[in-house]
Amino acid sequence: MDDRGGSFVAVRRISQGLEREVVAGSAAWLGRGLSCVCAQRRESDARPSFDLTPSQEECLLRLQIRIDVAYDSSIPEHQEALKALWKVSFPEEELRGLISEQWKEMGWQGKDPSTDFRGGGFISLENLLYFARNFPKSFQDLLRKQEGDRAIWEYPFAVAGVNITFMLIQMLDLEALKPRNLVGATFLKFLAENESAFDLLYCITFKLMDNQWLAMRASYMDFNAVMKATRRQLEGELLQEDITRLEDLPSYSLLSR
């Protein structure tokens, strides 16, 4: 295997160390990472809902259909998407199989990535692919941990990506018939103008999360705190009055193509 330098040492360490010291099962880190980030519903049961335009309703329904698709390793389309993710991530290295120790280099918890998609579904794989194809420099920087003074115990890249998908679904209340918070209602205005808005917001959030990680000098056990800080900043940016599209978000400037 080609030596990609010290940037992958941390990924290998965390992938190996997770099973020994932290997790008990392939989806345990995902559940641990999300347990606090998404349990932030302080409102009463009678939360307000926001009326949608017909266009917004249609866009929300299409996004909800995507969200409902579970990753299924027996579906050829899903297999090809996973292979495509590897190819765009490591074009210089041939993938030996959909079940392979190689996947740990990307930050999956084991040799079978399909077990880590439970929290985010197929859309979390689509999000990673969109990020890799549309912002390749930022994607590679995060994958290879090339920016900033990194911790020895880094977050696993791919599993963090699934966490981000799940966090956004919860934050934007996308599984409800109508959004029940202002952030979700605001996002649907962007979605009606750009059907790739969720994928784009995912890219912004991933880069913002890594920026917060570096600013907080975080290590593996700080991931939950970093995700909370990321969510707070993202919600604040989305609710700024002068934001008319996602490209206007201050954190969008962090992305590089």
Protein backbone atom coordinates (compact mmCIF):
# COMPACT_ATOMS: atom_id res chain seq x y z
CA MET A 1 0.00 0.00 0.00
CA ASP A 2 1.26 3.51 -0.83
CA ASP A 3 2.48 5.62 2.08
CA ARG A 4 0.31 8.69 2.38
CA GLY A 5 2.33 10.13 5.23
CA GLY A 6 1.49 10.93 8.80
CA SER A 7 -2.00 12.20 7.96
CA PHE A 8 -3.34 8.67 7.85
CA VAL A 9 -1.58 7.46 10.98
CA ALA A 10 -4.26 9.03 13.14
CA VAL A 11 -7.03 7.49 11.04
CA ARG A 12 -5.50 4.03 11.38
CA ARG A 13 -5.02 4.57 15.12
CA ILE A 14 -8.57 5.66 15.70
CA SER A 15 -10.00 2.87 13.53
CA GLN A 16 -8.02 0.27 15.46
CA GLY A 17 -8.40 1.90 18.85
CA LEU A 18 -12.17 2.33 18.59
CA GLU A 19 -12.83 -1.37 18.80
CA ARG A 20 -10.43 -1.83 21.72
CA GLU A 21 -11.30 1.10 23.94
CA VAL A 22 -14.54 2.79 22.97
CA VAL A 23 -17.03 0.94 20.83
CA ALA A 24 -18.78 -2.38 21.10
CA GLY A 25 -20.18 -2.98 17.64
CA SER A 26 -19.83 -1.26 14.30
CA ALA A 27 -22.46 1.42 14.85
CA ALA A 28 -21.61 2.22 18.47
CA TRP A 29 -19.43 5.27 17.78
CA LEU A 30 -22.15 6.73 15.59
CA GLY A 31 -24.75 6.33 18.31
CA ARG A 32 -22.37 7.69 20.94
CA GLY A 33 -21.55 10.69 18.79
CA LEU A 34 -25.18 11.55 18.15
CA SER A 35 -26.64 10.90 21.56
CA CYS A 36 -26.27 14.48 22.78
CA VAL A 37 -26.05 16.45 19.55
CA CYS A 38 -29.53 15.57 18.35
CA ALA A 39 -31.35 15.45 21.68
CA GLN A 40 -31.83 19.19 21.84
CA ARG A 41 -35.62 19.43 21.64
CA ARG A 42 -36.42 21.74 24.51
CA GLU A 43 -39.75 22.85 23.08
CA SER A 44 -43.07 21.52 24.27
CA ASP A 45 -44.93 18.88 22.28
CA ALA A 46 -47.11 21.58 20.75
CA ARG A 47 -44.39 23.01 18.56
CA PRO A 48 -45.31 25.50 15.85
CA SER A 49 -45.42 24.46 12.23
CA PHE A 50 -44.74 26.63 9.20
CA ASP A 51 -46.86 26.73 6.06
CA LEU A 52 -45.08 25.75 2.87
CA THR A 53 -45.53 26.80 -0.72
CA PRO A 54 -46.43 24.02 -3.19
CA SER A 55 -42.85 24.17 -4.49
CA GLN A 56 -41.41 23.79 -1.02
CA GLU A 57 -43.74 20.88 -0.26
CA GLU A 58 -42.64 19.11 -3.43
CA CYS A 59 -38.95 19.64 -2.73
CA LEU A 60 -39.34 18.48 0.88
CA LEU A 61 -41.13 15.32 -0.25
CA ARG A 62 -38.37 14.48 -2.71
CA LEU A 63 -35.75 15.01 -0.01
CA GLN A 64 -37.72 12.88 2.45
CA ILE A 65 -37.83 10.07 -0.10
CA ARG A 66 -34.04 10.23 -0.29
CA ILE A 67 -33.76 10.22 3.49
CA ASP A 68 -35.96 7.13 3.76
CA VAL A 69 -33.67 5.01 1.57
CA ALA A 70 -31.56 2.70 3.70
CA TYR A 71 -28.17 1.61 2.45
CA ASP A 72 -28.51 -1.92 1.04
CA SER A 73 -25.31 -3.71 0.08
CA SER A 74 -27.29 -6.08 -2.17
CA ILE A 75 -28.44 -3.25 -4.49
CA PRO A 76 -26.06 -2.75 -7.45
CA GLU A 77 -26.62 1.03 -7.46
CA HIS A 78 -25.51 1.23 -3.84
CA GLN A 79 -22.50 -0.97 -4.51
CA GLU A 80 -21.46 1.24 -7.42
CA ALA A 81 -21.86 4.39 -5.34
CA LEU A 82 -19.59 2.95 -2.66
CA LYS A 83 -17.01 1.97 -5.27
CA ALA A 84 -17.25 5.48 -6.74
CA LEU A 85 -16.57 6.97 -3.32
CA TRP A 86 -13.40 4.95 -3.00
CA LYS A 87 -12.25 5.85 -6.50
CA VAL A 88 -12.74 9.57 -5.99
CA SER A 89 -11.11 9.39 -2.56
CA PHE A 90 -8.08 7.28 -3.47
CA PRO A 91 -7.70 7.35 -7.26
CA GLU A 92 -4.14 6.05 -6.97
CA GLU A 93 -5.12 2.87 -5.10
CA GLU A 94 -7.28 0.04 -6.43
CA LEU A 95 -10.03 -1.18 -4.13
CA ARG A 96 -9.75 -4.88 -3.41
CA GLY A 97 -13.36 -5.39 -2.43
CA LEU A 98 -16.49 -3.90 -0.87
CA ILE A 99 -15.41 -5.67 2.29
CA SER A 100 -11.77 -4.84 2.87
CA GLU A 101 -9.41 -3.56 5.54
CA GLN A 102 -8.72 -0.68 3.14
CA TRP A 103 -11.94 1.04 4.18
CA LYS A 104 -10.45 1.85 7.59
CA GLU A 105 -8.13 4.30 5.82
CA MET A 106 -11.22 6.41 5.03
CA GLY A 107 -12.37 6.36 8.63
CA TRP A 108 -14.94 3.58 8.60
CA GLN A 109 -15.07 1.59 11.81
CA GLY A 110 -14.46 -1.79 10.20
CA LYS A 111 -13.80 -3.49 6.91
CA ASP A 112 -17.47 -3.32 5.84
CA PRO A 113 -18.69 0.30 5.50
CA SER A 114 -22.30 -0.82 5.08
CA THR A 115 -22.57 -1.34 8.84
CA ASP A 116 -21.85 2.35 9.45
CA PHE A 117 -24.62 3.67 7.20
CA ARG A 118 -27.40 2.73 9.63
CA GLY A 119 -27.57 6.19 11.15
CA GLY A 120 -27.57 8.11 7.89
CA GLY A 121 -28.86 5.79 5.18
CA PHE A 122 -27.95 5.93 1.51
CA ILE A 123 -28.20 9.72 1.51
CA SER A 124 -25.11 9.90 3.73
CA LEU A 125 -23.16 8.12 1.00
CA GLU A 126 -24.63 10.49 -1.59
CA ASN A 127 -23.54 13.41 0.60
CA LEU A 128 -19.95 12.16 0.73
CA LEU A 129 -19.91 11.66 -3.03
CA TYR A 130 -21.31 15.13 -3.66
CA PHE A 131 -18.66 16.62 -1.39
CA ALA A 132 -15.84 14.71 -3.12
CA ARG A 133 -17.00 15.66 -6.62
CA ASN A 134 -17.93 19.30 -6.05
CA PHE A 135 -15.30 20.41 -3.54
CA PRO A 136 -12.43 17.99 -4.16
CA LYS A 137 -9.76 20.10 -2.47
CA SER A 138 -11.70 20.50 0.77
CA PHE A 139 -12.74 16.85 0.66
CA GLN A 140 -9.16 15.66 0.28
CA ASP A 141 -7.91 18.08 2.93
CA LEU A 142 -10.37 16.65 5.46
CA LEU A 143 -9.91 13.04 4.39
CA ARG A 144 -6.13 13.25 4.67
CA LYS A 145 -6.15 15.61 7.67
CA GLN A 146 -3.87 18.04 5.86
CA GLU A 147 -4.77 21.29 7.58
CA GLY A 148 -3.98 22.60 11.04
CA ASP A 149 -2.33 21.23 14.15
CA ARG A 150 -4.15 17.89 14.47
CA ALA A 151 -4.72 15.77 17.55
CA ILE A 152 -3.16 12.31 17.83
CA TRP A 153 -6.65 10.85 18.29
CA GLU A 154 -8.46 12.29 15.29
CA TYR A 155 -12.12 11.81 14.41
CA PRO A 156 -12.70 9.08 11.78
CA PHE A 157 -13.53 10.94 8.58
CA ALA A 158 -16.23 8.73 7.04
CA VAL A 159 -18.15 8.00 10.23
CA ALA A 160 -18.06 11.70 11.09
CA GLY A 161 -19.66 12.30 7.70
CA VAL A 162 -22.55 9.97 8.57
CA ASN A 163 -22.94 11.82 11.88
CA ILE A 164 -23.21 15.11 10.01
CA THR A 165 -25.94 13.80 7.72
CA PHE A 166 -27.94 12.58 10.70
CA MET A 167 -27.41 15.81 12.63
CA LEU A 168 -28.64 17.93 9.70
CA ILE A 169 -31.77 15.80 9.29
CA GLN A 170 -32.55 16.33 12.98
CA MET A 171 -31.61 20.01 13.07
CA LEU A 172 -33.74 20.86 10.05
CA ASP A 173 -36.63 18.62 11.22
CA LEU A 174 -36.76 17.06 7.77
CA GLU A 175 -38.78 14.01 8.73
CA ALA A 176 -41.81 16.08 9.78
CA LEU A 177 -44.68 16.83 7.41
CA LYS A 178 -43.93 20.50 7.92
CA PRO A 179 -40.91 22.10 9.58
CA ARG A 180 -41.51 22.81 13.26
CA ASN A 181 -38.61 25.18 13.78
CA LEU A 182 -37.50 28.36 12.09
CA VAL A 183 -34.20 26.88 10.93
CA GLY A 184 -36.01 24.11 9.07
CA ALA A 185 -38.49 26.52 7.51
CA THR A 186 -35.63 28.78 6.40
CA PHE A 187 -33.77 25.87 4.84
CA LEU A 188 -36.79 24.91 2.74
CA LYS A 189 -36.65 28.30 1.07
CA PHE A 190 -33.13 27.48 -0.06
CA LEU A 191 -34.18 23.96 -1.09
CA ALA A 192 -36.94 25.32 -3.32
CA GLU A 193 -34.32 27.37 -5.17
CA ASN A 194 -31.66 24.64 -5.30
CA GLU A 195 -32.49 20.94 -5.14
CA SER A 196 -28.91 20.21 -4.11
CA ALA A 197 -29.24 22.48 -1.09
CA PHE A 198 -29.05 19.63 1.43
CA ASP A 199 -25.90 18.24 -0.18
CA LEU A 200 -24.36 21.70 -0.31
CA LEU A 201 -25.23 22.40 3.31
CA TYR A 202 -23.63 19.07 4.18
CA CYS A 203 -20.34 20.20 2.60
CA ILE A 204 -20.47 23.51 4.44
CA THR A 205 -21.21 21.74 7.73
CA PHE A 206 -18.40 19.22 7.34
CA LYS A 207 -15.86 21.96 6.71
CA LEU A 208 -17.28 24.05 9.53
CA MET A 209 -17.09 21.08 11.89
CA ASP A 210 -13.42 20.54 11.07
CA ASN A 211 -12.77 24.24 11.55
CA GLN A 212 -14.38 24.05 14.98
CA TRP A 213 -12.36 20.92 15.74
CA LEU A 214 -9.11 22.74 15.11
CA ALA A 215 -10.21 25.90 16.92
CA MET A 216 -11.18 23.88 19.99
CA ARG A 217 -7.96 21.80 19.81
CA ALA A 218 -10.26 18.81 20.05
CA SER A 219 -9.44 15.14 20.33
CA TYR A 220 -11.59 12.05 19.80
CA MET A 221 -13.60 12.28 23.01
CA ASP A 222 -14.45 15.94 22.27
CA PHE A 223 -16.36 15.11 19.10
CA ASN A 224 -19.76 15.57 20.72
CA ALA A 225 -18.84 19.04 21.98
CA VAL A 226 -17.51 19.98 18.54
CA MET A 227 -20.75 18.86 16.90
CA LYS A 228 -22.80 20.92 19.35
CA ALA A 229 -20.69 24.00 18.61
CA THR A 230 -21.00 23.35 14.88
CA ARG A 231 -24.76 23.07 15.12
CA ARG A 232 -25.07 26.31 17.10
CA GLN A 233 -22.96 28.25 14.62
CA LEU A 234 -24.77 26.79 11.63
CA GLU A 235 -28.20 27.61 13.06
CA GLY A 236 -27.07 31.16 13.73
CA GLU A 237 -25.76 31.62 10.20
CA LEU A 238 -28.90 30.20 8.60
CA LEU A 239 -31.07 32.69 10.52
CA GLN A 240 -29.10 35.78 9.55
CA GLU A 241 -31.40 38.23 7.79
CA ASP A 242 -29.09 38.93 4.86
CA ILE A 243 -28.75 35.27 3.83
CA THR A 244 -30.69 34.62 0.63
CA ARG A 245 -28.83 31.48 -0.52
CA LEU A 246 -26.48 28.98 1.04
CA GLU A 247 -23.53 30.50 -0.75
CA ASP A 248 -24.07 33.62 1.38
CA LEU A 249 -23.37 31.75 4.62
CA PRO A 250 -20.09 32.92 6.20
CA SER A 251 -18.94 29.30 6.52
CA TYR A 252 -19.35 28.71 2.79
CA SER A 253 -16.11 30.66 2.33
CA LEU A 254 -14.26 27.82 4.10
CA LEU A 255 -14.84 25.50 1.14
CA SER A 256 -12.34 25.12 -1.69
CA ARG A 257 -12.79 23.42 -5.03
